Amino acid sequence: MSTFAHQALIRDINTSLKPFRSSQSEAMKGFAQLAQAAMAEGAISAKHKELMALAIGVTQKCSGCIGFHVKALIKLGTTRQELDEMLAIAVYMGGGPALMYAAEAVHAWEEMSAAAPAAA
């Protein structure tokens, strides 16, 4: 089971990056603009783009990526079935190591879904 509390991990990453964001403000603005442009609704929906980003985070073994993208997917109304199907593809493409991070993504989903306000 994952040892990460993903909400705390996201908070810690943001706190740790604060000085870097200040010292490298132009680079960080550029990164934020790239992210915003890449994730915008288009021929592929924002939700599907977030699912792809999470799949990459799982296969690249990035706990921070898992936290940030699971949070975004919950906000976008992704279902658990959509998450599970995407994770199956990530495991197919990434093998056993991706399976370990898929378990982490499921843990993050459960943690953050429980904390998310119920849909109206």
PDB file of N, CA and C in Angstrom:
ATOM      1  N   MET A   1       0.852  -1.184   0.000  1.00  0.00           N
ATOM      2  CA  MET A   1       0.000   0.000   0.000  1.00  0.00           C
ATOM      3  C   MET A   1       0.891   1.238   0.000  1.00  0.00           C
ATOM      4  N   SER A   2       0.406   2.251  -0.606  1.00  0.00           N
ATOM      5  CA  SER A   2       1.144   3.502  -0.698  1.00  0.00           C
ATOM      6  C   SER A   2       1.437   4.081   0.676  1.00  0.00           C
ATOM      7  N   THR A   3       2.595   4.656   0.800  1.00  0.00           N
ATOM      8  CA  THR A   3       2.956   5.315   2.052  1.00  0.00           C
ATOM      9  C   THR A   3       2.685   6.814   1.982  1.00  0.00           C
ATOM     10  N   PHE A   4       2.153   7.289   0.868  1.00  0.00           N
ATOM     11  CA  PHE A   4       1.912   8.714   0.692  1.00  0.00           C
ATOM     12  C   PHE A   4       0.503   9.101   1.102  1.00  0.00           C
ATOM     13  N   ALA A   5       0.414  10.216   1.815  1.00  0.00           N
ATOM     14  CA  ALA A   5      -0.851  10.924   1.989  1.00  0.00           C
ATOM     15  C   ALA A   5      -0.808  11.980   0.882  1.00  0.00           C
ATOM     16  N   HIS A   6      -1.514  11.730  -0.192  1.00  0.00           N
ATOM     17  CA  HIS A   6      -1.333  12.524  -1.408  1.00  0.00           C
ATOM     18  C   HIS A   6      -1.717  13.987  -1.247  1.00  0.00           C
ATOM     19  N   GLN A   7      -2.719  14.281  -0.444  1.00  0.00           N
ATOM     20  CA  GLN A   7      -3.061  15.685  -0.229  1.00  0.00           C
ATOM     21  C   GLN A   7      -1.907  16.411   0.466  1.00  0.00           C
ATOM     22  N   ALA A   8      -1.301  15.761   1.437  1.00  0.00           N
ATOM     23  CA  ALA A   8      -0.142  16.345   2.121  1.00  0.00           C
ATOM     24  C   ALA A   8       1.050  16.419   1.169  1.00  0.00           C
ATOM     25  N   LEU A   9       1.228  15.407   0.324  1.00  0.00           N
ATOM     26  CA  LEU A   9       2.321  15.415  -0.641  1.00  0.00           C
ATOM     27  C   LEU A   9       2.188  16.605  -1.591  1.00  0.00           C
ATOM     28  N   ILE A  10       0.983  16.849  -2.107  1.00  0.00           N
ATOM     29  CA  ILE A  10       0.745  17.993  -2.991  1.00  0.00           C
ATOM     30  C   ILE A  10       1.078  19.292  -2.261  1.00  0.00           C
ATOM     31  N   ARG A  11       0.611  19.416  -1.043  1.00  0.00           N
ATOM     32  CA  ARG A  11       0.879  20.619  -0.239  1.00  0.00           C
ATOM     33  C   ARG A  11       2.390  20.790  -0.032  1.00  0.00           C
ATOM     34  N   ASP A  12       3.084  19.701   0.300  1.00  0.00           N
ATOM     35  CA  ASP A  12       4.534  19.768   0.525  1.00  0.00           C
ATOM     36  C   ASP A  12       5.292  20.136  -0.748  1.00  0.00           C
ATOM     37  N   ILE A  13       4.879  19.594  -1.871  1.00  0.00           N
ATOM     38  CA  ILE A  13       5.528  19.933  -3.144  1.00  0.00           C
ATOM     39  C   ILE A  13       5.337  21.414  -3.433  1.00  0.00           C
ATOM     40  N   ASN A  14       4.105  21.907  -3.280  1.00  0.00           N
ATOM     41  CA  ASN A  14       3.852  23.330  -3.526  1.00  0.00           C
ATOM     42  C   ASN A  14       4.681  24.211  -2.593  1.00  0.00           C
ATOM     43  N   THR A  15       4.784  23.820  -1.331  1.00  0.00           N
ATOM     44  CA  THR A  15       5.591  24.582  -0.371  1.00  0.00           C
ATOM     45  C   THR A  15       7.061  24.551  -0.760  1.00  0.00           C
ATOM     46  N   SER A  16       7.565  23.383  -1.109  1.00  0.00           N
ATOM     47  CA  SER A  16       8.974  23.243  -1.479  1.00  0.00           C
ATOM     48  C   SER A  16       9.322  24.009  -2.750  1.00  0.00           C
ATOM     49  N   LEU A  17       8.369  24.107  -3.670  1.00  0.00           N
ATOM     50  CA  LEU A  17       8.631  24.799  -4.934  1.00  0.00           C
ATOM     51  C   LEU A  17       8.479  26.311  -4.840  1.00  0.00           C
ATOM     52  N   LYS A  18       7.941  26.810  -3.741  1.00  0.00           N
ATOM     53  CA  LYS A  18       7.704  28.261  -3.627  1.00  0.00           C
ATOM     54  C   LYS A  18       8.978  29.078  -3.875  1.00  0.00           C
ATOM     55  N   PRO A  19      10.109  28.773  -3.243  1.00  0.00           N
ATOM     56  CA  PRO A  19      11.323  29.559  -3.533  1.00  0.00           C
ATOM     57  C   PRO A  19      11.787  29.427  -4.988  1.00  0.00           C
ATOM     58  N   PHE A  20      11.627  28.239  -5.555  1.00  0.00           N
ATOM     59  CA  PHE A  20      12.006  28.022  -6.955  1.00  0.00           C
ATOM     60  C   PHE A  20      11.108  28.836  -7.878  1.00  0.00           C
ATOM     61  N   ARG A  21       9.814  28.877  -7.562  1.00  0.00           N
ATOM     62  CA  ARG A  21       8.885  29.680  -8.366  1.00  0.00           C
ATOM     63  C   ARG A  21       9.277  31.154  -8.324  1.00  0.00           C
ATOM     64  N   SER A  22       9.797  31.608  -7.192  1.00  0.00           N
ATOM     65  CA  SER A  22      10.236  33.003  -7.072  1.00  0.00           C
ATOM     66  C   SER A  22      11.526  33.240  -7.842  1.00  0.00           C
ATOM     67  N   SER A  23      12.492  32.363  -7.666  1.00  0.00           N
ATOM     68  CA  SER A  23      13.790  32.586  -8.306  1.00  0.00           C
ATOM     69  C   SER A  23      13.753  32.321  -9.806  1.00  0.00           C
ATOM     70  N   GLN A  24      12.831  31.504 -10.244  1.00  0.00           N
ATOM     71  CA  GLN A  24      12.725  31.145 -11.665  1.00  0.00           C
ATOM     72  C   GLN A  24      11.325  31.462 -12.188  1.00  0.00           C
ATOM     73  N   SER A  25      10.866  32.662 -11.889  1.00  0.00           N
ATOM     74  CA  SER A  25       9.476  33.013 -12.176  1.00  0.00           C
ATOM     75  C   SER A  25       9.129  32.928 -13.664  1.00  0.00           C
ATOM     76  N   GLU A  26      10.021  33.362 -14.527  1.00  0.00           N
ATOM     77  CA  GLU A  26       9.707  33.312 -15.959  1.00  0.00           C
ATOM     78  C   GLU A  26       9.608  31.871 -16.454  1.00  0.00           C
ATOM     79  N   ALA A  27      10.524  31.028 -16.016  1.00  0.00           N
ATOM     80  CA  ALA A  27      10.469  29.621 -16.415  1.00  0.00           C
ATOM     81  C   ALA A  27       9.191  28.966 -15.890  1.00  0.00           C
ATOM     82  N   MET A  28       8.841  29.267 -14.651  1.00  0.00           N
ATOM     83  CA  MET A  28       7.641  28.668 -14.059  1.00  0.00           C
ATOM     84  C   MET A  28       6.371  29.201 -14.717  1.00  0.00           C
ATOM     85  N   LYS A  29       6.365  30.469 -15.113  1.00  0.00           N
ATOM     86  CA  LYS A  29       5.217  31.010 -15.868  1.00  0.00           C
ATOM     87  C   LYS A  29       5.093  30.278 -17.197  1.00  0.00           C
ATOM     88  N   GLY A  30       6.240  30.039 -17.842  1.00  0.00           N
ATOM     89  CA  GLY A  30       6.233  29.302 -19.107  1.00  0.00           C
ATOM     90  C   GLY A  30       5.714  27.884 -18.934  1.00  0.00           C
ATOM     91  N   PHE A  31       6.132  27.221 -17.850  1.00  0.00           N
ATOM     92  CA  PHE A  31       5.646  25.869 -17.576  1.00  0.00           C
ATOM     93  C   PHE A  31       4.144  25.882 -17.328  1.00  0.00           C
ATOM     94  N   ALA A  32       3.668  26.857 -16.568  1.00  0.00           N
ATOM     95  CA  ALA A  32       2.228  26.965 -16.282  1.00  0.00           C
ATOM     96  C   ALA A  32       1.443  27.218 -17.566  1.00  0.00           C
ATOM     97  N   GLN A  33       1.982  28.061 -18.454  1.00  0.00           N
ATOM     98  CA  GLN A  33       1.304  28.311 -19.723  1.00  0.00           C
ATOM     99  C   GLN A  33       1.280  27.062 -20.594  1.00  0.00           C
ATOM    100  N   LEU A  34       2.370  26.309 -20.602  1.00  0.00           N
ATOM    101  CA  LEU A  34       2.418  25.057 -21.352  1.00  0.00           C
ATOM    102  C   LEU A  34       1.369  24.086 -20.819  1.00  0.00           C
ATOM    103  N   ALA A  35       1.322  23.940 -19.500  1.00  0.00           N
ATOM    104  CA  ALA A  35       0.348  23.035 -18.893  1.00  0.00           C
ATOM    105  C   ALA A  35      -1.075  23.460 -19.229  1.00  0.00           C
ATOM    106  N   GLN A  36      -1.360  24.735 -19.096  1.00  0.00           N
ATOM    107  CA  GLN A  36      -2.712  25.236 -19.370  1.00  0.00           C
ATOM    108  C   GLN A  36      -3.095  24.994 -20.829  1.00  0.00           C
ATOM    109  N   ALA A  37      -2.190  25.270 -21.746  1.00  0.00           N
ATOM    110  CA  ALA A  37      -2.474  25.064 -23.168  1.00  0.00           C
ATOM    111  C   ALA A  37      -2.632  23.583 -23.498  1.00  0.00           C
ATOM    112  N   ALA A  38      -1.761  22.758 -22.955  1.00  0.00           N
ATOM    113  CA  ALA A  38      -1.808  21.322 -23.255  1.00  0.00           C
ATOM    114  C   ALA A  38      -3.070  20.668 -22.696  1.00  0.00           C
ATOM    115  N   MET A  39      -3.537  21.129 -21.542  1.00  0.00           N
ATOM    116  CA  MET A  39      -4.663  20.480 -20.869  1.00  0.00           C
ATOM    117  C   MET A  39      -6.019  21.091 -21.227  1.00  0.00           C
ATOM    118  N   ALA A  40      -6.038  22.123 -22.050  1.00  0.00           N
ATOM    119  CA  ALA A  40      -7.292  22.793 -22.408  1.00  0.00           C
ATOM    120  C   ALA A  40      -8.198  21.873 -23.222  1.00  0.00           C
ATOM    121  N   GLU A  41      -9.492  22.081 -23.080  1.00  0.00           N
ATOM    122  CA  GLU A  41     -10.470  21.361 -23.904  1.00  0.00           C
ATOM    123  C   GLU A  41     -10.139  21.575 -25.370  1.00  0.00           C
ATOM    124  N   GLY A  42     -10.282  20.553 -26.149  1.00  0.00           N
ATOM    125  CA  GLY A  42     -10.037  20.623 -27.587  1.00  0.00           C
ATOM    126  C   GLY A  42     -10.686  19.412 -28.230  1.00  0.00           C
ATOM    127  N   ALA A  43     -10.054  18.865 -29.243  1.00  0.00           N
ATOM    128  CA  ALA A  43     -10.555  17.643 -29.856  1.00  0.00           C
ATOM    129  C   ALA A  43     -10.570  16.508 -28.827  1.00  0.00           C
ATOM    130  N   ILE A  44      -9.652  16.581 -27.872  1.00  0.00           N
ATOM    131  CA  ILE A  44      -9.615  15.643 -26.750  1.00  0.00           C
ATOM    132  C   ILE A  44     -10.061  16.416 -25.517  1.00  0.00           C
ATOM    133  N   SER A  45     -10.971  15.853 -24.756  1.00  0.00           N
ATOM    134  CA  SER A  45     -11.500  16.544 -23.574  1.00  0.00           C
ATOM    135  C   SER A  45     -10.432  16.705 -22.496  1.00  0.00           C
ATOM    136  N   ALA A  46     -10.633  17.694 -21.633  1.00  0.00           N
ATOM    137  CA  ALA A  46      -9.718  17.909 -20.511  1.00  0.00           C
ATOM    138  C   ALA A  46      -9.639  16.659 -19.635  1.00  0.00           C
ATOM    139  N   LYS A  47     -10.774  15.979 -19.440  1.00  0.00           N
ATOM    140  CA  LYS A  47     -10.762  14.767 -18.622  1.00  0.00           C
ATOM    141  C   LYS A  47      -9.898  13.687 -19.250  1.00  0.00           C
ATOM    142  N   HIS A  48     -10.007  13.497 -20.549  1.00  0.00           N
ATOM    143  CA  HIS A  48      -9.193  12.475 -21.209  1.00  0.00           C
ATOM    144  C   HIS A  48      -7.709  12.848 -21.190  1.00  0.00           C
ATOM    145  N   LYS A  49      -7.426  14.129 -21.288  1.00  0.00           N
ATOM    146  CA  LYS A  49      -6.035  14.573 -21.187  1.00  0.00           C
ATOM    147  C   LYS A  49      -5.490  14.303 -19.783  1.00  0.00           C
ATOM    148  N   GLU A  50      -6.300  14.533 -18.757  1.00  0.00           N
ATOM    149  CA  GLU A  50      -5.866  14.248 -17.383  1.00  0.00           C
ATOM    150  C   GLU A  50      -5.666  12.746 -17.180  1.00  0.00           C
ATOM    151  N   LEU A  51      -6.533  11.927 -17.783  1.00  0.00           N
ATOM    152  CA  LEU A  51      -6.346  10.477 -17.700  1.00  0.00           C
ATOM    153  C   LEU A  51      -5.020  10.072 -18.333  1.00  0.00           C
ATOM    154  N   MET A  52      -4.684  10.687 -19.474  1.00  0.00           N
ATOM    155  CA  MET A  52      -3.398  10.398 -20.115  1.00  0.00           C
ATOM    156  C   MET A  52      -2.241  10.845 -19.228  1.00  0.00           C
ATOM    157  N   ALA A  53      -2.372  12.026 -18.633  1.00  0.00           N
ATOM    158  CA  ALA A  53      -1.305  12.536 -17.763  1.00  0.00           C
ATOM    159  C   ALA A  53      -1.100  11.612 -16.567  1.00  0.00           C
ATOM    160  N   LEU A  54      -2.196  11.122 -15.986  1.00  0.00           N
ATOM    161  CA  LEU A  54      -2.067  10.195 -14.864  1.00  0.00           C
ATOM    162  C   LEU A  54      -1.431   8.885 -15.313  1.00  0.00           C
ATOM    163  N   ALA A  55      -1.806   8.388 -16.479  1.00  0.00           N
ATOM    164  CA  ALA A  55      -1.186   7.159 -16.993  1.00  0.00           C
ATOM    165  C   ALA A  55       0.323   7.334 -17.134  1.00  0.00           C
ATOM    166  N   ILE A  56       0.739   8.485 -17.626  1.00  0.00           N
ATOM    167  CA  ILE A  56       2.174   8.751 -17.754  1.00  0.00           C
ATOM    168  C   ILE A  56       2.814   8.830 -16.374  1.00  0.00           C
ATOM    169  N   GLY A  57       2.153   9.494 -15.426  1.00  0.00           N
ATOM    170  CA  GLY A  57       2.676   9.572 -14.059  1.00  0.00           C
ATOM    171  C   GLY A  57       2.846   8.197 -13.431  1.00  0.00           C
ATOM    172  N   VAL A  58       1.888   7.300 -13.680  1.00  0.00           N
ATOM    173  CA  VAL A  58       1.962   5.933 -13.150  1.00  0.00           C
ATOM    174  C   VAL A  58       3.133   5.189 -13.792  1.00  0.00           C
ATOM    175  N   THR A  59       3.245   5.268 -15.112  1.00  0.00           N
ATOM    176  CA  THR A  59       4.314   4.508 -15.776  1.00  0.00           C
ATOM    177  C   THR A  59       5.696   5.117 -15.551  1.00  0.00           C
ATOM    178  N   GLN A  60       5.743   6.408 -15.232  1.00  0.00           N
ATOM    179  CA  GLN A  60       7.022   7.060 -14.941  1.00  0.00           C
ATOM    180  C   GLN A  60       7.351   7.057 -13.449  1.00  0.00           C
ATOM    181  N   LYS A  61       6.460   6.465 -12.653  1.00  0.00           N
ATOM    182  CA  LYS A  61       6.671   6.289 -11.207  1.00  0.00           C
ATOM    183  C   LYS A  61       6.813   7.622 -10.478  1.00  0.00           C
ATOM    184  N   CYS A  62       5.877   8.544 -10.736  1.00  0.00           N
ATOM    185  CA  CYS A  62       5.911   9.888 -10.165  1.00  0.00           C
ATOM    186  C   CYS A  62       4.767  10.074  -9.173  1.00  0.00           C
ATOM    187  N   SER A  63       5.067   9.965  -7.895  1.00  0.00           N
ATOM    188  CA  SER A  63       4.041  10.089  -6.856  1.00  0.00           C
ATOM    189  C   SER A  63       3.387  11.467  -6.854  1.00  0.00           C
ATOM    190  N   GLY A  64       4.173  12.508  -7.054  1.00  0.00           N
ATOM    191  CA  GLY A  64       3.608  13.849  -7.110  1.00  0.00           C
ATOM    192  C   GLY A  64       2.636  13.995  -8.272  1.00  0.00           C
ATOM    193  N   CYS A  65       3.022  13.466  -9.431  1.00  0.00           N
ATOM    194  CA  CYS A  65       2.134  13.502 -10.604  1.00  0.00           C
ATOM    195  C   CYS A  65       0.828  12.780 -10.305  1.00  0.00           C
ATOM    196  N   ILE A  66       0.923  11.646  -9.653  1.00  0.00           N
ATOM    197  CA  ILE A  66      -0.269  10.881  -9.300  1.00  0.00           C
ATOM    198  C   ILE A  66      -1.184  11.748  -8.444  1.00  0.00           C
ATOM    199  N   GLY A  67      -0.643  12.383  -7.426  1.00  0.00           N
ATOM    200  CA  GLY A  67      -1.461  13.223  -6.560  1.00  0.00           C
ATOM    201  C   GLY A  67      -2.136  14.360  -7.307  1.00  0.00           C
ATOM    202  N   PHE A  68      -1.375  15.122  -8.064  1.00  0.00           N
ATOM    203  CA  PHE A  68      -1.937  16.276  -8.770  1.00  0.00           C
ATOM    204  C   PHE A  68      -2.985  15.872  -9.804  1.00  0.00           C
ATOM    205  N   HIS A  69      -2.726  14.792 -10.558  1.00  0.00           N
ATOM    206  CA  HIS A  69      -3.649  14.415 -11.621  1.00  0.00           C
ATOM    207  C   HIS A  69      -4.886  13.695 -11.087  1.00  0.00           C
ATOM    208  N   VAL A  70      -4.755  12.926 -10.028  1.00  0.00           N
ATOM    209  CA  VAL A  70      -5.950  12.337  -9.403  1.00  0.00           C
ATOM    210  C   VAL A  70      -6.849  13.454  -8.881  1.00  0.00           C
ATOM    211  N   LYS A  71      -6.258  14.442  -8.240  1.00  0.00           N
ATOM    212  CA  LYS A  71      -7.040  15.583  -7.733  1.00  0.00           C
ATOM    213  C   LYS A  71      -7.806  16.253  -8.879  1.00  0.00           C
ATOM    214  N   ALA A  72      -7.134  16.488  -9.998  1.00  0.00           N
ATOM    215  CA  ALA A  72      -7.782  17.113 -11.153  1.00  0.00           C
ATOM    216  C   ALA A  72      -8.886  16.221 -11.718  1.00  0.00           C
ATOM    217  N   LEU A  73      -8.648  14.911 -11.776  1.00  0.00           N
ATOM    218  CA  LEU A  73      -9.659  13.994 -12.314  1.00  0.00           C
ATOM    219  C   LEU A  73     -10.915  13.970 -11.450  1.00  0.00           C
ATOM    220  N   ILE A  74     -10.742  14.012 -10.163  1.00  0.00           N
ATOM    221  CA  ILE A  74     -11.905  14.049  -9.272  1.00  0.00           C
ATOM    222  C   ILE A  74     -12.702  15.324  -9.526  1.00  0.00           C
ATOM    223  N   LYS A  75     -11.999  16.434  -9.649  1.00  0.00           N
ATOM    224  CA  LYS A  75     -12.647  17.719  -9.915  1.00  0.00           C
ATOM    225  C   LYS A  75     -13.399  17.696 -11.244  1.00  0.00           C
ATOM    226  N   LEU A  76     -12.873  16.960 -12.220  1.00  0.00           N
ATOM    227  CA  LEU A  76     -13.507  16.874 -13.543  1.00  0.00           C
ATOM    228  C   LEU A  76     -14.646  15.850 -13.601  1.00  0.00           C
ATOM    229  N   GLY A  77     -14.928  15.187 -12.491  1.00  0.00           N
ATOM    230  CA  GLY A  77     -16.049  14.245 -12.460  1.00  0.00           C
ATOM    231  C   GLY A  77     -15.747  12.873 -13.030  1.00  0.00           C
ATOM    232  N   THR A  78     -14.500  12.496 -13.056  1.00  0.00           N
ATOM    233  CA  THR A  78     -14.105  11.175 -13.551  1.00  0.00           C
ATOM    234  C   THR A  78     -14.698  10.098 -12.640  1.00  0.00           C
ATOM    235  N   THR A  79     -15.130   9.016 -13.238  1.00  0.00           N
ATOM    236  CA  THR A  79     -15.672   7.907 -12.448  1.00  0.00           C
ATOM    237  C   THR A  79     -14.561   6.935 -12.065  1.00  0.00           C
ATOM    238  N   ARG A  80     -14.842   6.137 -11.078  1.00  0.00           N
ATOM    239  CA  ARG A  80     -13.885   5.111 -10.664  1.00  0.00           C
ATOM    240  C   ARG A  80     -13.673   4.106 -11.800  1.00  0.00           C
ATOM    241  N   GLN A  81     -14.719   3.810 -12.561  1.00  0.00           N
ATOM    242  CA  GLN A  81     -14.585   2.881 -13.693  1.00  0.00           C
ATOM    243  C   GLN A  81     -13.628   3.438 -14.735  1.00  0.00           C
ATOM    244  N   GLU A  82     -13.728   4.736 -15.025  1.00  0.00           N
ATOM    245  CA  GLU A  82     -12.807   5.358 -15.983  1.00  0.00           C
ATOM    246  C   GLU A  82     -11.366   5.280 -15.467  1.00  0.00           C
ATOM    247  N   LEU A  83     -11.197   5.571 -14.184  1.00  0.00           N
ATOM    248  CA  LEU A  83      -9.872   5.471 -13.578  1.00  0.00           C
ATOM    249  C   LEU A  83      -9.326   4.054 -13.714  1.00  0.00           C
ATOM    250  N   ASP A  84     -10.127   3.066 -13.320  1.00  0.00           N
ATOM    251  CA  ASP A  84      -9.671   1.679 -13.348  1.00  0.00           C
ATOM    252  C   ASP A  84      -9.313   1.216 -14.753  1.00  0.00           C
ATOM    253  N   GLU A  85     -10.115   1.591 -15.752  1.00  0.00           N
ATOM    254  CA  GLU A  85      -9.813   1.183 -17.126  1.00  0.00           C
ATOM    255  C   GLU A  85      -8.513   1.812 -17.614  1.00  0.00           C
ATOM    256  N   MET A  86      -8.295   3.082 -17.282  1.00  0.00           N
ATOM    257  CA  MET A  86      -7.042   3.731 -17.669  1.00  0.00           C
ATOM    258  C   MET A  86      -5.864   3.060 -16.971  1.00  0.00           C
ATOM    259  N   LEU A  87      -6.022   2.724 -15.682  1.00  0.00           N
ATOM    260  CA  LEU A  87      -4.940   2.065 -14.957  1.00  0.00           C
ATOM    261  C   LEU A  87      -4.615   0.700 -15.549  1.00  0.00           C
ATOM    262  N   ALA A  88      -5.619  -0.002 -16.043  1.00  0.00           N
ATOM    263  CA  ALA A  88      -5.367  -1.292 -16.693  1.00  0.00           C
ATOM    264  C   ALA A  88      -4.462  -1.110 -17.912  1.00  0.00           C
ATOM    265  N   ILE A  89      -4.685  -0.056 -18.676  1.00  0.00           N
ATOM    266  CA  ILE A  89      -3.836   0.219 -19.839  1.00  0.00           C
ATOM    267  C   ILE A  89      -2.425   0.593 -19.387  1.00  0.00           C
ATOM    268  N   ALA A  90      -2.327   1.417 -18.341  1.00  0.00           N
ATOM    269  CA  ALA A  90      -1.010   1.812 -17.828  1.00  0.00           C
ATOM    270  C   ALA A  90      -0.226   0.589 -17.369  1.00  0.00           C
ATOM    271  N   VAL A  91      -0.903  -0.344 -16.703  1.00  0.00           N
ATOM    272  CA  VAL A  91      -0.230  -1.564 -16.245  1.00  0.00           C
ATOM    273  C   VAL A  91       0.168  -2.433 -17.446  1.00  0.00           C
ATOM    274  N   TYR A  92      -0.711  -2.540 -18.431  1.00  0.00           N
ATOM    275  CA  TYR A  92      -0.396  -3.287 -19.646  1.00  0.00           C
ATOM    276  C   TYR A  92       0.879  -2.744 -20.295  1.00  0.00           C
ATOM    277  N   MET A  93       0.988  -1.420 -20.368  1.00  0.00           N
ATOM    278  CA  MET A  93       2.134  -0.799 -21.029  1.00  0.00           C
ATOM    279  C   MET A  93       3.367  -0.710 -20.131  1.00  0.00           C
ATOM    280  N   GLY A  94       3.173  -0.670 -18.811  1.00  0.00           N
ATOM    281  CA  GLY A  94       4.294  -0.453 -17.901  1.00  0.00           C
ATOM    282  C   GLY A  94       4.689  -1.639 -17.055  1.00  0.00           C
ATOM    283  N   GLY A  95       3.925  -2.719 -17.105  1.00  0.00           N
ATOM    284  CA  GLY A  95       4.275  -3.927 -16.372  1.00  0.00           C
ATOM    285  C   GLY A  95       4.150  -3.811 -14.860  1.00  0.00           C
ATOM    286  N   GLY A  96       4.892  -4.664 -14.183  1.00  0.00           N
ATOM    287  CA  GLY A  96       4.825  -4.760 -12.726  1.00  0.00           C
ATOM    288  C   GLY A  96       5.083  -3.449 -11.999  1.00  0.00           C
ATOM    289  N   PRO A  97       6.117  -2.678 -12.387  1.00  0.00           N
ATOM    290  CA  PRO A  97       6.332  -1.403 -11.698  1.00  0.00           C
ATOM    291  C   PRO A  97       5.123  -0.465 -11.813  1.00  0.00           C
ATOM    292  N   ALA A  98       4.485  -0.444 -12.979  1.00  0.00           N
ATOM    293  CA  ALA A  98       3.289   0.397 -13.143  1.00  0.00           C
ATOM    294  C   ALA A  98       2.155  -0.110 -12.254  1.00  0.00           C
ATOM    295  N   LEU A  99       2.086  -1.422 -12.041  1.00  0.00           N
ATOM    296  CA  LEU A  99       1.061  -1.978 -11.162  1.00  0.00           C
ATOM    297  C   LEU A  99       1.218  -1.433  -9.744  1.00  0.00           C
ATOM    298  N   MET A 100       2.462  -1.303  -9.283  1.00  0.00           N
ATOM    299  CA  MET A 100       2.701  -0.769  -7.934  1.00  0.00           C
ATOM    300  C   MET A 100       2.228   0.679  -7.834  1.00  0.00           C
ATOM    301  N   TYR A 101       2.455   1.459  -8.881  1.00  0.00           N
ATOM    302  CA  TYR A 101       2.021   2.852  -8.881  1.00  0.00           C
ATOM    303  C   TYR A 101       0.536   2.977  -9.192  1.00  0.00           C
ATOM    304  N   ALA A 102      -0.047   1.994  -9.868  1.00  0.00           N
ATOM    305  CA  ALA A 102      -1.500   1.965 -10.036  1.00  0.00           C
ATOM    306  C   ALA A 102      -2.162   1.817  -8.668  1.00  0.00           C
ATOM    307  N   ALA A 103      -1.577   0.968  -7.815  1.00  0.00           N
ATOM    308  CA  ALA A 103      -2.098   0.827  -6.452  1.00  0.00           C
ATOM    309  C   ALA A 103      -2.015   2.164  -5.721  1.00  0.00           C
ATOM    310  N   GLU A 104      -0.950   2.896  -5.940  1.00  0.00           N
ATOM    311  CA  GLU A 104      -0.814   4.214  -5.327  1.00  0.00           C
ATOM    312  C   GLU A 104      -1.881   5.176  -5.852  1.00  0.00           C
ATOM    313  N   ALA A 105      -2.159   5.111  -7.152  1.00  0.00           N
ATOM    314  CA  ALA A 105      -3.199   5.970  -7.732  1.00  0.00           C
ATOM    315  C   ALA A 105      -4.571   5.641  -7.148  1.00  0.00           C
ATOM    316  N   VAL A 106      -4.854   4.353  -6.953  1.00  0.00           N
ATOM    317  CA  VAL A 106      -6.124   3.950  -6.339  1.00  0.00           C
ATOM    318  C   VAL A 106      -6.191   4.488  -4.911  1.00  0.00           C
ATOM    319  N   HIS A 107      -5.097   4.386  -4.182  1.00  0.00           N
ATOM    320  CA  HIS A 107      -5.058   4.918  -2.821  1.00  0.00           C
ATOM    321  C   HIS A 107      -5.316   6.425  -2.824  1.00  0.00           C
ATOM    322  N   ALA A 108      -4.673   7.143  -3.737  1.00  0.00           N
ATOM    323  CA  ALA A 108      -4.872   8.592  -3.844  1.00  0.00           C
ATOM    324  C   ALA A 108      -6.324   8.902  -4.169  1.00  0.00           C
ATOM    325  N   TRP A 109      -6.909   8.131  -5.083  1.00  0.00           N
ATOM    326  CA  TRP A 109      -8.317   8.328  -5.466  1.00  0.00           C
ATOM    327  C   TRP A 109      -9.226   8.165  -4.249  1.00  0.00           C
ATOM    328  N   GLU A 110      -9.005   7.090  -3.512  1.00  0.00           N
ATOM    329  CA  GLU A 110      -9.841   6.846  -2.339  1.00  0.00           C
ATOM    330  C   GLU A 110      -9.664   7.945  -1.287  1.00  0.00           C
ATOM    331  N   GLU A 111      -8.430   8.357  -1.067  1.00  0.00           N
ATOM    332  CA  GLU A 111      -8.142   9.415  -0.097  1.00  0.00           C
ATOM    333  C   GLU A 111      -8.808  10.731  -0.511  1.00  0.00           C
ATOM    334  N   MET A 112      -8.633  11.127  -1.744  1.00  0.00           N
ATOM    335  CA  MET A 112      -9.135  12.421  -2.183  1.00  0.00           C
ATOM    336  C   MET A 112     -10.625  12.407  -2.464  1.00  0.00           C
ATOM    337  N   SER A 113     -11.154  11.285  -2.913  1.00  0.00           N
ATOM    338  CA  SER A 113     -12.601  11.189  -3.136  1.00  0.00           C
ATOM    339  C   SER A 113     -13.358  11.330  -1.825  1.00  0.00           C
ATOM    340  N   ALA A 114     -12.804  10.738  -0.777  1.00  0.00           N
ATOM    341  CA  ALA A 114     -13.454  10.823   0.542  1.00  0.00           C
ATOM    342  C   ALA A 114     -13.460  12.260   1.055  1.00  0.00           C
ATOM    343  N   ALA A 115     -12.447  13.041   0.670  1.00  0.00           N
ATOM    344  CA  ALA A 115     -12.335  14.428   1.138  1.00  0.00           C
ATOM    345  C   ALA A 115     -13.073  15.404   0.234  1.00  0.00           C
ATOM    346  N   ALA A 116     -13.450  14.967  -0.970  1.00  0.00           N
ATOM    347  CA  ALA A 116     -14.098  15.867  -1.930  1.00  0.00           C
ATOM    348  C   ALA A 116     -15.547  16.108  -1.533  1.00  0.00           C
ATOM    349  N   PRO A 117     -16.032  17.343  -1.749  1.00  0.00           N
ATOM    350  CA  PRO A 117     -17.449  17.601  -1.469  1.00  0.00           C
ATOM    351  C   PRO A 117     -18.328  16.772  -2.391  1.00  0.00           C
ATOM    352  N   ALA A 118     -19.435  16.310  -1.871  1.00  0.00           N
ATOM    353  CA  ALA A 118     -20.362  15.514  -2.671  1.00  0.00           C
ATOM    354  C   ALA A 118     -20.960  16.354  -3.776  1.00  0.00           C
ATOM    355  N   ALA A 119     -21.164  15.724  -4.942  1.00  0.00           N
ATOM    356  CA  ALA A 119     -21.756  16.436  -6.080  1.00  0.00           C
ATOM    357  C   ALA A 119     -23.213  16.752  -5.772  1.00  0.00           C
ATOM    358  N   ALA A 120     -23.631  17.915  -6.227  1.00  0.00           N
ATOM    359  CA  ALA A 120     -25.013  18.348  -5.958  1.00  0.00           C
ATOM    360  C   ALA A 120     -25.994  17.661  -6.862  1.00  0.00           C
TER     361      ALA A 120
END
